[in-house]
Structures are given as C-alpha cells and as structure tokens.
C-alpha cells in the first residue's frame, strides 16, 4: 500500500498526538497504534524513505521496519528496525530544519579493502547517523555527525555504544548494544539534540514547529520509562530524564 504524504505541520500534529498517548501508556507493550507514523514527509530531501506495513517481532518486541536515505557506497536499499518509540523520535528529528538521518557505509570498509578481506553481506554493520548543518554545529561547538542509536538510547556522554557480536545488526534496539567507557571528549546526548532543536527553531521562520521540542522531550521521557534498563552497561548514576518535568 502506498504511503500517504504529510506536510510538516500535519506530521507534527500526528507526532504530538502519538507522544501524548505514549506518555499515558503503561509500557512498550501498550504503545499507541503505529499506523499514524506510516507516512512520507512531503519535502524534497526526506530522511525516511519507506515504512513497512506490518510490525516485525524480535525477541518478543515489536519493531518498525523502515528505509533511510543511505550512503552511495551501499549498493541496495536496506531495511532497518527500531522500537516504536524510537521510530517516533526519528520522525521528530526529521522535522528539525537542516537535520538529516542517514544509513552510512560499513565503518571498516576501507581497512578491509587494504587488507583484501571480504565479509559476507549479512555481517556488515551499517551505522545510522544523524547530521546537522556545519554552521549550526560550529555555533554549538559540536561535531556535525553523531551515532543515531546512542541518541535514541540516551547513552551518557562518557561512554561509547558498541553493537554486540551476538546481536542482529539490522535491529537498532538497546538489548543488541553495550556501553563501554570512553575517555575522549564528551559525546553528544539527547540533551545536546534537544538544545539543537530549540536553536534551529529560533530564527522566526519556523513558528509552526514551536511545539516540536516539547514533543521530542516527551518521547525521550517515554523511551527512558519503557526501555532504560535494556541497555547493557548502564550505570545507576547515568544521566536520566526526570519524568516529572517532561515538556
């Protein structure tokens, strides 16, 4: 079935309603209907290019299958899977002016080419990344790219996120990843991207998106309530959202 096309204003209305219902849901098994999130954004450069008509189940969890804009180095269109609340967060990021979500090429491709090593397609790991315009990155003093899954999972700034060797690399879910200590400069977090969303909407040209940061924060809170403990390596003193101050 062909996906309906929504304007940015229509998509924000859908996300607002979905996030409000999710906030009052008991847990992920009681998530709102995913059908409203099955659309294409009616803009020239979309991040999300397709959404599966049916949910997929992996280890007892319902997942949304989707297609992202992807690197030219990837030969065919890939389907990837995330939890419903994380897909809603991606739909919210997609509305921020200048933001781009993308599936990038395998990070070790160059090293293997030099050593003439070939790996089977199903073993290649294609990271999902989130990009912002260079001017905005410079203004914030951050890099112009971040791993999308670490933002979705609310990884702390002093930890890297690694896919488990035993995991399924098409599934971007917390239980398939592990946090490891990182001694470099602090990495980007959900707070970084919430601040960025607010800055991107302060130029007076996007008044219709004024409620987007509130929706995004609401989704962050819900994701923490539903899935916080699923990420291996999470410490008790990791930064966490205060459920009482959502919005």
C-alpha atoms as a PDB file:
ATOM      1  CA  UNK A   1       0.000   0.000   0.000  1.00  0.00           C
ATOM      2  CA  UNK A   2       1.336   3.412  -0.972  1.00  0.00           C
ATOM      3  CA  UNK A   3       2.300   5.641   1.924  1.00  0.00           C
ATOM      4  CA  UNK A   4       0.396   8.875   2.411  1.00  0.00           C
ATOM      5  CA  UNK A   5       2.346  12.132   2.215  1.00  0.00           C
ATOM      6  CA  UNK A   6       2.122  14.617   5.073  1.00  0.00           C
ATOM      7  CA  UNK A   7       3.208  18.218   5.321  1.00  0.00           C
ATOM      8  CA  UNK A   8       5.496  19.190   8.168  1.00  0.00           C
ATOM      9  CA  UNK A   9       2.554  20.696  10.067  1.00  0.00           C
ATOM     10  CA  UNK A  10       0.459  17.542   9.609  1.00  0.00           C
ATOM     11  CA  UNK A  11       3.348  15.330  10.706  1.00  0.00           C
ATOM     12  CA  UNK A  12       3.880  17.397  13.849  1.00  0.00           C
ATOM     13  CA  UNK A  13       0.188  17.058  14.721  1.00  0.00           C
ATOM     14  CA  UNK A  14       0.440  13.265  14.316  1.00  0.00           C
ATOM     15  CA  UNK A  15       3.567  13.104  16.491  1.00  0.00           C
ATOM     16  CA  UNK A  16       2.039  15.335  19.154  1.00  0.00           C
ATOM     17  CA  UNK A  17      -0.974  13.061  19.491  1.00  0.00           C
ATOM     18  CA  UNK A  18       1.170   9.892  19.433  1.00  0.00           C
ATOM     19  CA  UNK A  19       3.548  11.202  22.108  1.00  0.00           C
ATOM     20  CA  UNK A  20       0.661  12.227  24.373  1.00  0.00           C
ATOM     21  CA  UNK A  21      -0.883   8.765  24.128  1.00  0.00           C
ATOM     22  CA  UNK A  22       2.511   7.136  24.731  1.00  0.00           C
ATOM     23  CA  UNK A  23       3.052   9.200  27.896  1.00  0.00           C
ATOM     24  CA  UNK A  24      -0.106   7.661  29.352  1.00  0.00           C
ATOM     25  CA  UNK A  25       0.658   4.105  28.216  1.00  0.00           C
ATOM     26  CA  UNK A  26       1.704   1.567  30.814  1.00  0.00           C
ATOM     27  CA  UNK A  27       4.687   0.382  28.785  1.00  0.00           C
ATOM     28  CA  UNK A  28       6.004  -0.576  25.364  1.00  0.00           C
ATOM     29  CA  UNK A  29       3.518  -3.445  25.069  1.00  0.00           C
ATOM     30  CA  UNK A  30       0.775  -0.823  25.371  1.00  0.00           C
ATOM     31  CA  UNK A  31       2.266   1.515  22.751  1.00  0.00           C
ATOM     32  CA  UNK A  32      -0.157   3.579  20.624  1.00  0.00           C
ATOM     33  CA  UNK A  33      -1.117   2.373  17.150  1.00  0.00           C
ATOM     34  CA  UNK A  34       1.829   2.732  14.764  1.00  0.00           C
ATOM     35  CA  UNK A  35      -0.280   3.335  11.655  1.00  0.00           C
ATOM     36  CA  UNK A  36      -0.265   7.157  12.032  1.00  0.00           C
ATOM     37  CA  UNK A  37       3.565   7.084  11.858  1.00  0.00           C
ATOM     38  CA  UNK A  38       3.486   5.374   8.463  1.00  0.00           C
ATOM     39  CA  UNK A  39       3.872   8.304   6.095  1.00  0.00           C
ATOM     40  CA  UNK A  40       6.338  10.099   3.866  1.00  0.00           C
ATOM     41  CA  UNK A  41       7.240  13.646   4.703  1.00  0.00           C
ATOM     42  CA  UNK A  42       6.243  15.877   1.786  1.00  0.00           C
ATOM     43  CA  UNK A  43       9.605  17.597   1.326  1.00  0.00           C
ATOM     44  CA  UNK A  44      12.338  17.361  -1.306  1.00  0.00           C
ATOM     45  CA  UNK A  45      15.032  15.713   0.835  1.00  0.00           C
ATOM     46  CA  UNK A  46      13.440  13.089   3.043  1.00  0.00           C
ATOM     47  CA  UNK A  47      15.366  11.084   5.620  1.00  0.00           C
ATOM     48  CA  UNK A  48      12.828   8.265   5.930  1.00  0.00           C
ATOM     49  CA  UNK A  49      12.052   6.824   2.502  1.00  0.00           C
ATOM     50  CA  UNK A  50       9.735   3.954   3.417  1.00  0.00           C
ATOM     51  CA  UNK A  51       7.977   2.192   6.294  1.00  0.00           C
ATOM     52  CA  UNK A  52       6.885  -1.445   6.466  1.00  0.00           C
ATOM     53  CA  UNK A  53       3.135  -2.086   6.504  1.00  0.00           C
ATOM     54  CA  UNK A  54       3.420  -4.674   9.290  1.00  0.00           C
ATOM     55  CA  UNK A  55       5.403  -4.685  12.533  1.00  0.00           C
ATOM     56  CA  UNK A  56       8.223  -7.208  12.979  1.00  0.00           C
ATOM     57  CA  UNK A  57       8.790  -9.155  16.183  1.00  0.00           C
ATOM     58  CA  UNK A  58      12.305  -9.782  17.515  1.00  0.00           C
ATOM     59  CA  UNK A  59      12.872 -11.480  20.876  1.00  0.00           C
ATOM     60  CA  UNK A  60       9.303 -10.696  21.854  1.00  0.00           C
ATOM     61  CA  UNK A  61       9.488  -6.980  20.986  1.00  0.00           C
ATOM     62  CA  UNK A  62       7.511  -5.243  18.250  1.00  0.00           C
ATOM     63  CA  UNK A  63       9.755  -3.355  15.822  1.00  0.00           C
ATOM     64  CA  UNK A  64       9.157  -0.926  12.970  1.00  0.00           C
ATOM     65  CA  UNK A  65      10.910  -1.663   9.674  1.00  0.00           C
ATOM     66  CA  UNK A  66      11.937   1.360   7.607  1.00  0.00           C
ATOM     67  CA  UNK A  67      14.261   2.581   4.862  1.00  0.00           C
ATOM     68  CA  UNK A  68      16.567   5.557   5.329  1.00  0.00           C
ATOM     69  CA  UNK A  69      18.440   7.749   2.926  1.00  0.00           C
ATOM     70  CA  UNK A  70      21.774   5.988   2.627  1.00  0.00           C
ATOM     71  CA  UNK A  71      25.376   6.310   1.528  1.00  0.00           C
ATOM     72  CA  UNK A  72      26.113   5.894  -2.172  1.00  0.00           C
ATOM     73  CA  UNK A  73      28.558   3.167  -1.173  1.00  0.00           C
ATOM     74  CA  UNK A  74      25.644   0.920  -0.204  1.00  0.00           C
ATOM     75  CA  UNK A  75      24.536  -0.933  -3.304  1.00  0.00           C
ATOM     76  CA  UNK A  76      20.920  -1.773  -2.450  1.00  0.00           C
ATOM     77  CA  UNK A  77      18.188  -0.354  -0.236  1.00  0.00           C
ATOM     78  CA  UNK A  78      18.437  -1.646   3.341  1.00  0.00           C
ATOM     79  CA  UNK A  79      15.592  -2.174   5.784  1.00  0.00           C
ATOM     80  CA  UNK A  80      16.418  -1.480   9.419  1.00  0.00           C
ATOM     81  CA  UNK A  81      14.345  -1.905  12.569  1.00  0.00           C
ATOM     82  CA  UNK A  82      13.777   0.136  15.732  1.00  0.00           C
ATOM     83  CA  UNK A  83      11.367   0.130  18.659  1.00  0.00           C
ATOM     84  CA  UNK A  84       8.145   2.141  18.134  1.00  0.00           C
ATOM     85  CA  UNK A  85       9.067   4.994  20.499  1.00  0.00           C
ATOM     86  CA  UNK A  86      12.482   5.304  18.840  1.00  0.00           C
ATOM     87  CA  UNK A  87      10.835   5.464  15.440  1.00  0.00           C
ATOM     88  CA  UNK A  88       8.625   8.290  16.725  1.00  0.00           C
ATOM     89  CA  UNK A  89      11.782  10.084  17.893  1.00  0.00           C
ATOM     90  CA  UNK A  90      13.276   9.671  14.407  1.00  0.00           C
ATOM     91  CA  UNK A  91      10.122  11.161  12.890  1.00  0.00           C
ATOM     92  CA  UNK A  92      10.538  14.130  15.262  1.00  0.00           C
ATOM     93  CA  UNK A  93      14.218  14.599  14.338  1.00  0.00           C
ATOM     94  CA  UNK A  94      13.164  14.506  10.689  1.00  0.00           C
ATOM     95  CA  UNK A  95      11.134  17.696  11.237  1.00  0.00           C
ATOM     96  CA  UNK A  96      14.023  19.793  12.585  1.00  0.00           C
ATOM     97  CA  UNK A  97      15.186  22.151   9.803  1.00  0.00           C
ATOM     98  CA  UNK A  98      18.522  21.092   8.364  1.00  0.00           C
ATOM     99  CA  UNK A  99      18.690  17.736  10.175  1.00  0.00           C
ATOM    100  CA  UNK A 100      19.397  14.619   8.125  1.00  0.00           C
ATOM    101  CA  UNK A 101      19.175  10.955   9.158  1.00  0.00           C
ATOM    102  CA  UNK A 102      21.251   8.562   7.100  1.00  0.00           C
ATOM    103  CA  UNK A 103      22.432   4.951   6.884  1.00  0.00           C
ATOM    104  CA  UNK A 104      26.173   5.102   6.252  1.00  0.00           C
ATOM    105  CA  UNK A 105      28.622   2.600   4.790  1.00  0.00           C
ATOM    106  CA  UNK A 106      30.370  -0.031   6.881  1.00  0.00           C
ATOM    107  CA  UNK A 107      32.935   1.812   9.012  1.00  0.00           C
ATOM    108  CA  UNK A 108      35.699  -0.770   8.452  1.00  0.00           C
ATOM    109  CA  UNK A 109      35.257  -0.999   4.691  1.00  0.00           C
ATOM    110  CA  UNK A 110      38.472   0.896   3.892  1.00  0.00           C
ATOM    111  CA  UNK A 111      40.603  -1.169   6.257  1.00  0.00           C
ATOM    112  CA  UNK A 112      39.334  -4.438   4.822  1.00  0.00           C
ATOM    113  CA  UNK A 113      39.914  -3.260   1.252  1.00  0.00           C
ATOM    114  CA  UNK A 114      43.578  -2.532   2.042  1.00  0.00           C
ATOM    115  CA  UNK A 115      43.980  -6.000   3.538  1.00  0.00           C
ATOM    116  CA  UNK A 116      41.927  -7.655   0.783  1.00  0.00           C
ATOM    117  CA  UNK A 117      39.437  -9.049   3.305  1.00  0.00           C
ATOM    118  CA  UNK A 118      35.884  -9.783   2.193  1.00  0.00           C
ATOM    119  CA  UNK A 119      32.958 -10.215   4.559  1.00  0.00           C
ATOM    120  CA  UNK A 120      29.528 -11.627   3.903  1.00  0.00           C
ATOM    121  CA  UNK A 121      26.839  -9.008   3.397  1.00  0.00           C
ATOM    122  CA  UNK A 122      24.845 -10.074   6.467  1.00  0.00           C
ATOM    123  CA  UNK A 123      27.893  -9.444   8.681  1.00  0.00           C
ATOM    124  CA  UNK A 124      28.472  -5.871   7.577  1.00  0.00           C
ATOM    125  CA  UNK A 125      27.493  -3.207  10.109  1.00  0.00           C
ATOM    126  CA  UNK A 126      25.963  -0.064   8.633  1.00  0.00           C
ATOM    127  CA  UNK A 127      25.642   2.686  11.279  1.00  0.00           C
ATOM    128  CA  UNK A 128      22.694   5.072  11.382  1.00  0.00           C
ATOM    129  CA  UNK A 129      23.908   8.632  11.812  1.00  0.00           C
ATOM    130  CA  UNK A 130      22.268  11.974  12.441  1.00  0.00           C
ATOM    131  CA  UNK A 131      23.702  15.082  10.739  1.00  0.00           C
ATOM    132  CA  UNK A 132      23.260  18.802  11.220  1.00  0.00           C
ATOM    133  CA  UNK A 133      24.362  21.781   9.106  1.00  0.00           C
ATOM    134  CA  UNK A 134      28.002  22.822   9.542  1.00  0.00           C
ATOM    135  CA  UNK A 135      27.062  26.381  10.569  1.00  0.00           C
ATOM    136  CA  UNK A 136      24.822  25.141  13.379  1.00  0.00           C
ATOM    137  CA  UNK A 137      27.418  22.582  14.503  1.00  0.00           C
ATOM    138  CA  UNK A 138      30.017  25.350  14.703  1.00  0.00           C
ATOM    139  CA  UNK A 139      27.635  27.571  16.654  1.00  0.00           C
ATOM    140  CA  UNK A 140      27.082  24.779  19.191  1.00  0.00           C
ATOM    141  CA  UNK A 141      30.727  23.750  19.241  1.00  0.00           C
ATOM    142  CA  UNK A 142      29.936  20.124  18.391  1.00  0.00           C
ATOM    143  CA  UNK A 143      30.678  17.723  15.573  1.00  0.00           C
ATOM    144  CA  UNK A 144      28.284  17.675  12.636  1.00  0.00           C
ATOM    145  CA  UNK A 145      27.515  13.977  12.984  1.00  0.00           C
ATOM    146  CA  UNK A 146      26.510  11.611  15.780  1.00  0.00           C
ATOM    147  CA  UNK A 147      25.527   7.973  16.021  1.00  0.00           C
ATOM    148  CA  UNK A 148      21.747   7.995  15.975  1.00  0.00           C
ATOM    149  CA  UNK A 149      21.358   4.900  18.149  1.00  0.00           C
ATOM    150  CA  UNK A 150      23.337   6.415  21.043  1.00  0.00           C
ATOM    151  CA  UNK A 151      20.956   9.391  20.939  1.00  0.00           C
ATOM    152  CA  UNK A 152      17.876   7.157  20.772  1.00  0.00           C
ATOM    153  CA  UNK A 153      19.109   5.021  23.689  1.00  0.00           C
ATOM    154  CA  UNK A 154      20.212   8.036  25.799  1.00  0.00           C
ATOM    155  CA  UNK A 155      23.832   6.904  26.107  1.00  0.00           C
ATOM    156  CA  UNK A 156      25.836   9.021  28.594  1.00  0.00           C
ATOM    157  CA  UNK A 157      28.479  11.438  27.256  1.00  0.00           C
ATOM    158  CA  UNK A 158      31.390   9.401  28.681  1.00  0.00           C
ATOM    159  CA  UNK A 159      30.519   6.091  27.010  1.00  0.00           C
ATOM    160  CA  UNK A 160      30.642   4.658  23.512  1.00  0.00           C
ATOM    161  CA  UNK A 161      27.936   2.404  22.142  1.00  0.00           C
ATOM    162  CA  UNK A 162      29.031  -0.878  20.556  1.00  0.00           C
ATOM    163  CA  UNK A 163      26.958  -3.484  18.745  1.00  0.00           C
ATOM    164  CA  UNK A 164      27.172  -6.894  20.380  1.00  0.00           C
ATOM    165  CA  UNK A 165      28.809  -9.578  18.265  1.00  0.00           C
ATOM    166  CA  UNK A 166      25.899 -11.826  19.146  1.00  0.00           C
ATOM    167  CA  UNK A 167      23.359  -9.203  18.111  1.00  0.00           C
ATOM    168  CA  UNK A 168      21.412  -8.738  14.920  1.00  0.00           C
ATOM    169  CA  UNK A 169      22.933  -5.715  13.179  1.00  0.00           C
ATOM    170  CA  UNK A 170      19.704  -4.827  11.376  1.00  0.00           C
ATOM    171  CA  UNK A 171      17.977  -4.304  14.721  1.00  0.00           C
ATOM    172  CA  UNK A 172      18.785  -0.975  16.389  1.00  0.00           C
ATOM    173  CA  UNK A 173      17.498  -1.813  19.866  1.00  0.00           C
ATOM    174  CA  UNK A 174      19.211  -1.340  23.268  1.00  0.00           C
ATOM    175  CA  UNK A 175      19.461  -5.051  24.070  1.00  0.00           C
ATOM    176  CA  UNK A 176      21.643  -5.547  20.977  1.00  0.00           C
ATOM    177  CA  UNK A 177      24.227  -2.995  22.173  1.00  0.00           C
ATOM    178  CA  UNK A 178      26.569  -2.383  25.101  1.00  0.00           C
ATOM    179  CA  UNK A 179      28.013   0.779  26.673  1.00  0.00           C
ATOM    180  CA  UNK A 180      31.792   0.974  27.145  1.00  0.00           C
ATOM    181  CA  UNK A 181      33.785   3.690  28.906  1.00  0.00           C
ATOM    182  CA  UNK A 182      35.088   6.461  26.675  1.00  0.00           C
ATOM    183  CA  UNK A 183      37.964   8.702  27.798  1.00  0.00           C
ATOM    184  CA  UNK A 184      37.795  11.272  24.997  1.00  0.00           C
ATOM    185  CA  UNK A 185      35.833  14.495  24.860  1.00  0.00           C
ATOM    186  CA  UNK A 186      32.175  14.192  25.914  1.00  0.00           C
ATOM    187  CA  UNK A 187      29.950  12.735  23.195  1.00  0.00           C
ATOM    188  CA  UNK A 188      26.571  14.079  22.131  1.00  0.00           C
ATOM    189  CA  UNK A 189      23.487  13.189  24.155  1.00  0.00           C
ATOM    190  CA  UNK A 190      19.739  13.647  23.988  1.00  0.00           C
ATOM    191  CA  UNK A 191      20.183  16.959  25.811  1.00  0.00           C
ATOM    192  CA  UNK A 192      22.525  18.103  23.032  1.00  0.00           C
ATOM    193  CA  UNK A 193      19.910  17.416  20.384  1.00  0.00           C
ATOM    194  CA  UNK A 194      17.061  18.911  22.366  1.00  0.00           C
ATOM    195  CA  UNK A 195      19.095  22.121  22.704  1.00  0.00           C
ATOM    196  CA  UNK A 196      19.855  21.957  18.992  1.00  0.00           C
ATOM    197  CA  UNK A 197      16.160  21.572  18.141  1.00  0.00           C
ATOM    198  CA  UNK A 198      15.350  24.688  20.145  1.00  0.00           C
ATOM    199  CA  UNK A 199      18.137  26.687  18.468  1.00  0.00           C
ATOM    200  CA  UNK A 200      17.109  25.559  14.985  1.00  0.00           C
ATOM    201  CA  UNK A 201      13.614  26.953  15.569  1.00  0.00           C
ATOM    202  CA  UNK A 202      14.532  30.397  16.929  1.00  0.00           C
ATOM    203  CA  UNK A 203      15.062  32.237  13.651  1.00  0.00           C
ATOM    204  CA  UNK A 204      11.391  33.214  13.321  1.00  0.00           C
ATOM    205  CA  UNK A 205      10.882  31.204  10.139  1.00  0.00           C
ATOM    206  CA  UNK A 206       9.504  28.064  11.771  1.00  0.00           C
ATOM    207  CA  UNK A 207       6.736  29.242  14.104  1.00  0.00           C
ATOM    208  CA  UNK A 208       4.627  26.234  13.128  1.00  0.00           C
ATOM    209  CA  UNK A 209       7.213  23.950  14.720  1.00  0.00           C
ATOM    210  CA  UNK A 210       7.334  25.755  18.049  1.00  0.00           C
ATOM    211  CA  UNK A 211       5.884  22.710  19.846  1.00  0.00           C
ATOM    212  CA  UNK A 212       8.427  20.252  18.412  1.00  0.00           C
ATOM    213  CA  UNK A 213      10.985  20.411  21.275  1.00  0.00           C
ATOM    214  CA  UNK A 214       8.211  19.588  23.765  1.00  0.00           C
ATOM    215  CA  UNK A 215       7.191  16.563  21.692  1.00  0.00           C
ATOM    216  CA  UNK A 216      10.796  15.432  21.410  1.00  0.00           C
ATOM    217  CA  UNK A 217      11.389  15.696  25.156  1.00  0.00           C
ATOM    218  CA  UNK A 218       8.158  13.824  25.842  1.00  0.00           C
ATOM    219  CA  UNK A 219       9.381  10.984  23.616  1.00  0.00           C
ATOM    220  CA  UNK A 220      12.761  10.970  25.408  1.00  0.00           C
ATOM    221  CA  UNK A 221      10.973  10.569  28.742  1.00  0.00           C
ATOM    222  CA  UNK A 222       8.736   7.776  27.443  1.00  0.00           C
ATOM    223  CA  UNK A 223      11.668   5.889  25.922  1.00  0.00           C
ATOM    224  CA  UNK A 224      13.514   6.049  29.246  1.00  0.00           C
ATOM    225  CA  UNK A 225      10.470   4.750  31.103  1.00  0.00           C
ATOM    226  CA  UNK A 226       9.964   1.878  28.681  1.00  0.00           C
ATOM    227  CA  UNK A 227      13.493   0.802  27.749  1.00  0.00           C
ATOM    228  CA  UNK A 228      16.136   2.323  30.040  1.00  0.00           C
ATOM    229  CA  UNK A 229      17.247  -0.925  31.686  1.00  0.00           C
ATOM    230  CA  UNK A 230      17.632  -2.814  28.394  1.00  0.00           C
ATOM    231  CA  UNK A 231      20.985  -1.208  27.511  1.00  0.00           C
ATOM    232  CA  UNK A 232      23.850  -3.329  28.855  1.00  0.00           C
ATOM    233  CA  UNK A 233      26.468  -1.342  30.781  1.00  0.00           C
ATOM    234  CA  UNK A 234      24.018   1.270  32.072  1.00  0.00           C
ATOM    235  CA  UNK A 235      25.115   2.620  35.479  1.00  0.00           C
ATOM    236  CA  UNK A 236      22.814   3.913  38.202  1.00  0.00           C
ATOM    237  CA  UNK A 237      24.388   7.380  38.052  1.00  0.00           C
ATOM    238  CA  UNK A 238      23.986   7.740  34.263  1.00  0.00           C
ATOM    239  CA  UNK A 239      22.104  10.936  33.322  1.00  0.00           C
ATOM    240  CA  UNK A 240      18.372  10.283  33.242  1.00  0.00           C
ATOM    241  CA  UNK A 241      15.293  12.246  32.349  1.00  0.00           C
ATOM    242  CA  UNK A 242      13.112  13.488  35.186  1.00  0.00           C
ATOM    243  CA  UNK A 243       9.661  12.114  34.338  1.00  0.00           C
ATOM    244  CA  UNK A 244       8.008  14.848  36.377  1.00  0.00           C
ATOM    245  CA  UNK A 245       9.423  17.676  34.258  1.00  0.00           C
ATOM    246  CA  UNK A 246       8.581  16.431  30.781  1.00  0.00           C
ATOM    247  CA  UNK A 247       7.580  19.210  28.445  1.00  0.00           C
END
